Amino acid sequence: MSLLVTGNTVVDIVFPGVKRLPEWPRHTESTPDNLVLLSRAPIMTLGGNGANAAWVAARCGARVELHTRIGPDAAGRLARSWLDEAGCEVRVAGGSRAAGASTAVNVTAANVRHGRATFFHPGQPVAMPSGLATRQEMPSWILVCGFPHPPLPSIARGFRGAIRRGAFTALDTGPILGRPWTLASLRPVLGSLSLLLANEYELGKIAGTANPGEMIRRVRRVFSGHLVVKRGAKGARWIPASSDECFDVPARCVRVVNTIGAGDSFNGALLAALDGGAGFAAAVRTACAVAASVVASPDGVLGMKPP
């Protein structure tokens, strides 16, 4: 039993409780206008949809392989050390010393309402692992996430071969930082997909409606697998495969420190719980609890508490 995660790796730097953003000066000096003194220490932690999910899954007991992009720079060495410590087997697409390779870095200023102003260097995109369908050892669970996601045709090809060999395939649709997918564009992937993961905002964009019930109905017309909708402070909604019935799992009530990485942590904990033999409802409850521990931690994803 093992989990293969394809997605990006990022070093996250978060400045919490920021009251204002600095202004651009017409000079190179520091002034009260272009310098903001912060009373709270920054959060430096692991980021990236792929790395977060992989790190959490490994900490929850799963055997994890992460297919990602990490450069030979200082940020890459830091991210790699965190992943190695958790026990993730890291496979760097194109090699960590490929020409021009750089590690993704995300710098976020968050206000007291957890609104964000963000600077993001995305590094290089992650492609689907080559030869997935012909691997000698097929992973039991496969998660593909962003950012950016591999092209949909390559995801569809990889999933078709994997599901024929008995793998459980999962796709997380976020984040939406450009033109969103549509249900029509996702059709080639949905036919070989076991689990679709999205938050309410993402699913609404994909389905073309802001109504929670209607977005699920529209997805069901083209996809019969498991659907999990992440709802932030309201927890998660699970719609079992081949069913229209919704099961709501509440989130744990915690003091929110930082919300970045909670959804990715949910994904990793969910698949690790399924890999460990939990039923789907129990796995969703575990994932909600793990995501809450990340939200409440001053260390971000690295402060995750295993179930």
Protein backbone atom coordinates (compact mmCIF):
# COMPACT_ATOMS: atom_id res chain seq x y z
CA MET A 1 0.00 0.00 0.00
CA SER A 2 1.43 3.39 -0.97
CA LEU A 3 0.48 6.91 -2.03
CA LEU A 4 1.88 8.78 -5.03
CA VAL A 5 1.43 12.56 -4.93
CA THR A 6 2.12 14.78 -7.94
CA GLY A 7 2.23 18.50 -7.20
CA ASN A 8 4.38 21.47 -6.38
CA THR A 9 6.71 22.13 -3.45
CA VAL A 10 6.90 25.63 -1.98
CA VAL A 11 8.57 27.37 0.93
CA ASP A 12 5.86 29.49 2.57
CA ILE A 13 6.63 32.66 4.51
CA VAL A 14 3.56 34.13 6.19
CA PHE A 15 3.36 37.43 8.05
CA PRO A 16 0.25 37.16 10.28
CA GLY A 17 -1.75 40.02 11.76
CA VAL A 18 -0.58 42.65 9.28
CA LYS A 19 -2.49 45.92 9.74
CA ARG A 20 -1.44 47.65 6.52
CA LEU A 21 0.70 47.11 3.45
CA PRO A 22 3.70 49.31 2.66
CA GLU A 23 3.59 51.89 -0.12
CA TRP A 24 5.99 52.16 -3.05
CA PRO A 25 8.45 55.02 -2.47
CA ARG A 26 10.11 57.29 -5.01
CA HIS A 27 13.49 56.61 -3.43
CA THR A 28 15.49 53.73 -1.97
CA GLU A 29 15.33 54.71 1.69
CA SER A 30 13.21 53.14 4.42
CA THR A 31 10.47 55.39 5.78
CA PRO A 32 7.32 54.90 7.90
CA ASP A 33 5.36 54.67 4.65
CA ASN A 34 7.29 51.89 2.95
CA LEU A 35 8.38 49.95 6.04
CA VAL A 36 5.92 48.02 8.20
CA LEU A 37 7.16 46.86 11.59
CA LEU A 38 5.56 43.58 12.63
CA SER A 39 4.89 42.60 16.22
CA ARG A 40 4.26 38.93 15.42
CA ALA A 41 6.96 36.57 14.23
CA PRO A 42 6.65 35.28 10.66
CA ILE A 43 5.63 31.70 9.96
CA MET A 44 8.16 29.88 7.77
CA THR A 45 6.84 26.50 6.78
CA LEU A 46 6.45 23.91 4.07
CA GLY A 47 4.05 24.86 1.30
CA GLY A 48 2.80 23.67 -2.04
CA ASN A 49 -0.26 21.58 -2.79
CA GLY A 50 1.79 18.48 -3.46
CA ALA A 51 4.39 18.78 -0.71
CA ASN A 52 1.85 19.65 1.98
CA ALA A 53 -0.35 16.67 1.16
CA ALA A 54 2.64 14.33 0.94
CA TRP A 55 4.22 15.55 4.20
CA VAL A 56 0.96 15.20 6.13
CA ALA A 57 0.20 11.77 4.68
CA ALA A 58 3.66 10.55 5.65
CA ARG A 59 3.29 11.94 9.15
CA CYS A 60 -0.05 10.12 9.37
CA GLY A 61 1.66 6.81 8.63
CA ALA A 62 1.37 6.37 4.86
CA ARG A 63 4.25 5.33 2.61
CA VAL A 64 4.51 8.33 0.30
CA GLU A 65 6.27 9.16 -2.95
CA LEU A 66 6.19 12.82 -3.99
CA HIS A 67 6.72 13.70 -7.66
CA THR A 68 7.57 17.41 -7.66
CA ARG A 69 9.99 20.17 -8.68
CA ILE A 70 12.65 21.40 -6.23
CA GLY A 71 15.66 23.52 -7.19
CA PRO A 72 19.23 23.29 -5.85
CA ASP A 73 18.83 26.64 -4.07
CA ALA A 74 18.55 27.41 -0.35
CA ALA A 75 14.76 27.20 -0.42
CA GLY A 76 14.98 23.80 -2.08
CA ARG A 77 17.40 22.46 0.50
CA LEU A 78 15.10 23.64 3.28
CA ALA A 79 11.98 22.10 1.73
CA ARG A 80 13.82 18.86 0.99
CA SER A 81 14.96 18.59 4.62
CA TRP A 82 11.37 18.87 5.85
CA LEU A 83 10.16 16.22 3.40
CA ASP A 84 13.05 13.87 4.18
CA GLU A 85 12.39 14.22 7.91
CA ALA A 86 8.78 13.15 7.41
CA GLY A 87 9.88 10.07 5.46
CA CYS A 88 8.67 11.14 2.00
CA GLU A 89 10.41 9.60 -0.98
CA VAL A 90 11.01 12.63 -3.21
CA ARG A 91 11.29 12.31 -6.99
CA VAL A 92 12.28 15.57 -8.65
CA ALA A 93 10.97 15.91 -12.20
CA GLY A 94 13.85 16.75 -14.53
CA GLY A 95 16.37 16.47 -11.69
CA SER A 96 16.99 18.98 -8.92
CA ARG A 97 19.93 20.46 -10.81
CA ALA A 98 18.18 20.95 -14.15
CA ALA A 99 19.14 24.16 -15.93
CA GLY A 100 17.22 27.10 -14.51
CA ALA A 101 15.57 25.04 -11.78
CA SER A 102 14.39 27.11 -8.84
CA THR A 103 12.21 26.30 -5.87
CA ALA A 104 8.82 27.95 -5.55
CA VAL A 105 8.52 30.55 -2.79
CA ASN A 106 5.33 32.14 -1.49
CA VAL A 107 5.34 35.28 0.69
CA THR A 108 1.99 36.22 2.20
CA ALA A 109 0.85 39.10 4.38
CA ALA A 110 -2.34 38.14 6.23
CA ASN A 111 -4.57 40.55 8.11
CA VAL A 112 -6.51 39.79 11.29
CA ARG A 113 -9.44 38.49 9.18
CA HIS A 114 -6.99 36.15 7.38
CA GLY A 115 -7.32 38.02 4.11
CA ARG A 116 -4.13 37.69 2.08
CA ALA A 117 -1.81 39.77 -0.06
CA THR A 118 0.64 37.41 -1.72
CA PHE A 119 3.86 37.37 -3.74
CA PHE A 120 4.43 34.01 -5.44
CA HIS A 121 7.38 32.68 -7.43
CA PRO A 122 5.94 29.44 -8.85
CA GLY A 123 9.18 27.77 -9.94
CA GLN A 124 8.78 25.20 -12.71
CA PRO A 125 5.55 23.27 -13.38
CA VAL A 126 5.31 19.60 -12.46
CA ALA A 127 4.45 17.11 -15.20
CA MET A 128 2.74 13.77 -14.67
CA PRO A 129 5.21 10.97 -13.84
CA SER A 130 6.33 9.25 -17.01
CA GLY A 131 5.49 5.58 -17.43
CA LEU A 132 2.86 5.64 -14.69
CA ALA A 133 0.74 2.92 -16.30
CA THR A 134 3.71 0.56 -16.68
CA ARG A 135 5.33 0.99 -13.26
CA GLN A 136 6.46 -2.27 -11.74
CA GLU A 137 4.79 -1.35 -8.45
CA MET A 138 1.56 0.59 -8.94
CA PRO A 139 0.68 2.85 -5.98
CA SER A 140 -2.60 2.05 -4.28
CA TRP A 141 -3.54 5.74 -4.13
CA ILE A 142 -2.67 8.54 -6.56
CA LEU A 143 -3.26 12.25 -5.90
CA VAL A 144 -2.67 14.96 -8.49
CA CYS A 145 -2.77 18.60 -7.45
CA GLY A 146 -1.31 22.00 -8.40
CA PHE A 147 -0.01 24.60 -8.87
CA PRO A 148 -0.02 24.57 -11.81
CA HIS A 149 -1.61 21.23 -12.50
CA PRO A 150 -0.22 18.98 -15.22
CA PRO A 151 -2.16 19.35 -18.49
CA LEU A 152 -5.54 17.63 -18.34
CA PRO A 153 -4.80 15.25 -21.27
CA SER A 154 -1.69 13.93 -19.48
CA ILE A 155 -3.63 13.51 -16.23
CA ALA A 156 -6.31 11.59 -18.12
CA ARG A 157 -3.74 9.28 -19.74
CA GLY A 158 -2.01 8.59 -16.45
CA PHE A 159 -5.25 7.93 -14.60
CA ARG A 160 -6.59 5.59 -17.30
CA GLY A 161 -3.58 3.35 -17.01
CA ALA A 162 -3.52 3.52 -13.21
CA ILE A 163 -7.17 2.76 -12.64
CA ARG A 164 -6.98 -0.27 -14.96
CA ARG A 165 -4.39 -1.66 -12.54
CA GLY A 166 -6.56 -1.06 -9.51
CA ALA A 167 -5.30 2.30 -8.24
CA PHE A 168 -7.58 4.82 -6.53
CA THR A 169 -7.19 8.16 -8.33
CA ALA A 170 -7.80 11.60 -6.81
CA LEU A 171 -7.64 15.12 -8.24
CA ASP A 172 -7.71 18.38 -6.29
CA THR A 173 -8.92 21.26 -8.46
CA GLY A 174 -7.35 24.16 -6.57
CA PRO A 175 -6.06 26.69 -6.50
CA ILE A 176 -7.74 28.60 -9.32
CA LEU A 177 -5.21 31.25 -10.28
CA GLY A 178 -6.12 31.57 -13.94
CA ARG A 179 -8.97 30.54 -16.19
CA PRO A 180 -10.92 27.85 -14.30
CA TRP A 181 -11.58 24.41 -15.66
CA THR A 182 -15.12 23.59 -16.71
CA LEU A 183 -16.99 20.34 -16.31
CA ALA A 184 -16.69 19.90 -20.07
CA SER A 185 -12.90 20.31 -20.02
CA LEU A 186 -12.64 17.86 -17.11
CA ARG A 187 -14.61 15.09 -18.85
CA PRO A 188 -11.54 13.17 -20.12
CA VAL A 189 -10.23 12.98 -16.54
CA LEU A 190 -13.53 12.29 -14.79
CA GLY A 191 -13.98 8.95 -16.55
CA SER A 192 -10.92 7.52 -14.75
CA LEU A 193 -11.25 9.47 -11.50
CA SER A 194 -12.16 7.92 -8.15
CA LEU A 195 -12.29 11.11 -6.06
CA LEU A 196 -12.76 14.77 -6.92
CA LEU A 197 -11.59 17.24 -4.25
CA ALA A 198 -12.45 20.95 -4.26
CA ASN A 199 -13.48 23.75 -1.97
CA GLU A 200 -16.83 25.46 -2.48
CA TYR A 201 -15.35 28.40 -4.35
CA GLU A 202 -13.45 26.17 -6.78
CA LEU A 203 -16.35 23.81 -7.37
CA GLY A 204 -18.66 26.76 -8.01
CA LYS A 205 -16.31 28.15 -10.64
CA ILE A 206 -16.02 24.77 -12.34
CA ALA A 207 -19.75 24.06 -12.22
CA GLY A 208 -20.76 27.61 -13.16
CA THR A 209 -22.96 28.30 -10.13
CA ALA A 210 -22.59 29.66 -6.61
CA ASN A 211 -25.47 27.54 -5.26
CA PRO A 212 -23.98 24.65 -3.21
CA GLY A 213 -26.74 22.20 -4.02
CA GLU A 214 -26.83 23.03 -7.71
CA MET A 215 -23.06 22.72 -8.12
CA ILE A 216 -23.20 19.18 -6.74
CA ARG A 217 -26.10 18.29 -9.03
CA ARG A 218 -24.19 19.58 -12.05
CA VAL A 219 -21.08 17.61 -11.12
CA ARG A 220 -23.16 14.46 -10.65
CA ARG A 221 -24.42 14.64 -14.23
CA VAL A 222 -20.89 13.98 -15.51
CA PHE A 223 -19.07 12.29 -12.61
CA SER A 224 -20.13 9.26 -10.57
CA GLY A 225 -17.13 8.92 -8.23
CA HIS A 226 -16.60 10.24 -4.71
CA LEU A 227 -16.89 14.01 -4.31
CA VAL A 228 -15.50 15.86 -1.30
CA VAL A 229 -16.20 19.57 -0.91
CA LYS A 230 -13.96 21.37 1.58
CA ARG A 231 -15.91 24.09 3.39
CA GLY A 232 -13.39 25.77 5.66
CA ALA A 233 -14.78 26.51 9.11
CA LYS A 234 -17.92 24.53 8.22
CA GLY A 235 -15.96 21.31 7.72
CA ALA A 236 -16.42 19.10 4.67
CA ARG A 237 -19.21 17.56 2.61
CA TRP A 238 -18.84 14.04 1.23
CA ILE A 239 -21.00 12.68 -1.57
CA PRO A 240 -20.27 8.95 -1.94
CA ALA A 241 -19.63 7.39 -5.33
CA SER A 242 -22.80 6.68 -7.34
CA SER A 243 -24.89 8.54 -4.75
CA ASP A 244 -26.63 11.90 -4.46
CA GLU A 245 -26.73 11.80 -0.67
CA CYS A 246 -24.60 14.39 1.14
CA PHE A 247 -22.84 13.76 4.44
CA ASP A 248 -21.63 16.84 6.30
CA VAL A 249 -18.68 16.52 8.67
CA PRO A 250 -18.19 19.52 10.98
CA ALA A 251 -14.83 21.16 11.53
CA ARG A 252 -13.29 21.31 14.97
CA CYS A 253 -13.64 24.69 16.64
CA VAL A 254 -10.13 26.16 17.02
CA ARG A 255 -8.49 29.55 17.34
CA VAL A 256 -7.38 30.38 13.81
CA VAL A 257 -3.72 31.33 13.43
CA ASN A 258 -3.14 30.68 9.72
CA THR A 259 -5.31 29.04 7.06
CA ILE A 260 -2.65 28.42 4.40
CA GLY A 261 -2.13 24.71 3.76
CA ALA A 262 -5.25 23.48 5.54
CA GLY A 263 -6.90 22.13 2.39
CA ASP A 264 -3.74 20.33 1.27
CA SER A 265 -3.34 18.84 4.75
CA PHE A 266 -6.93 17.62 4.53
CA ASN A 267 -6.08 15.78 1.31
CA GLY A 268 -3.02 14.08 2.76
CA ALA A 269 -4.78 13.03 5.95
CA LEU A 270 -7.82 11.74 4.04
CA LEU A 271 -5.79 9.49 1.74
CA ALA A 272 -3.54 8.31 4.56
CA ALA A 273 -6.60 7.31 6.58
CA LEU A 274 -8.07 5.44 3.61
CA ASP A 275 -4.71 3.76 3.05
CA GLY A 276 -4.77 2.69 6.70
CA GLY A 277 -8.11 0.94 6.25
CA ALA A 278 -10.54 3.57 7.53
CA GLY A 279 -13.99 3.87 6.02
CA PHE A 280 -14.65 6.97 3.95
CA ALA A 281 -16.74 8.78 6.55
CA ALA A 282 -14.14 8.14 9.25
CA ALA A 283 -11.37 9.28 6.89
CA VAL A 284 -13.18 12.57 6.26
CA ARG A 285 -13.53 13.13 10.01
CA THR A 286 -9.81 12.48 10.46
CA ALA A 287 -8.99 14.88 7.63
CA CYS A 288 -11.12 17.62 9.20
CA ALA A 289 -9.34 17.16 12.54
CA VAL A 290 -5.90 17.30 10.94
CA ALA A 291 -6.80 20.42 8.93
CA ALA A 292 -8.01 22.09 12.13
CA SER A 293 -4.69 21.36 13.81
CA VAL A 294 -2.88 23.12 10.94
CA VAL A 295 -5.17 26.15 11.14
CA ALA A 296 -4.49 26.45 14.88
CA SER A 297 -0.72 26.03 14.62
CA PRO A 298 1.84 28.86 14.63
CA ASP A 299 4.04 26.54 12.54
CA GLY A 300 1.60 26.04 9.66
CA VAL A 301 1.61 22.60 8.07
CA LEU A 302 4.72 21.64 10.04
CA GLY A 303 2.65 22.01 13.22
CA MET A 304 0.16 19.37 12.11
CA LYS A 305 -0.92 16.97 14.84
CA PRO A 306 -1.32 13.37 13.62
CA PRO A 307 -4.64 11.74 14.59
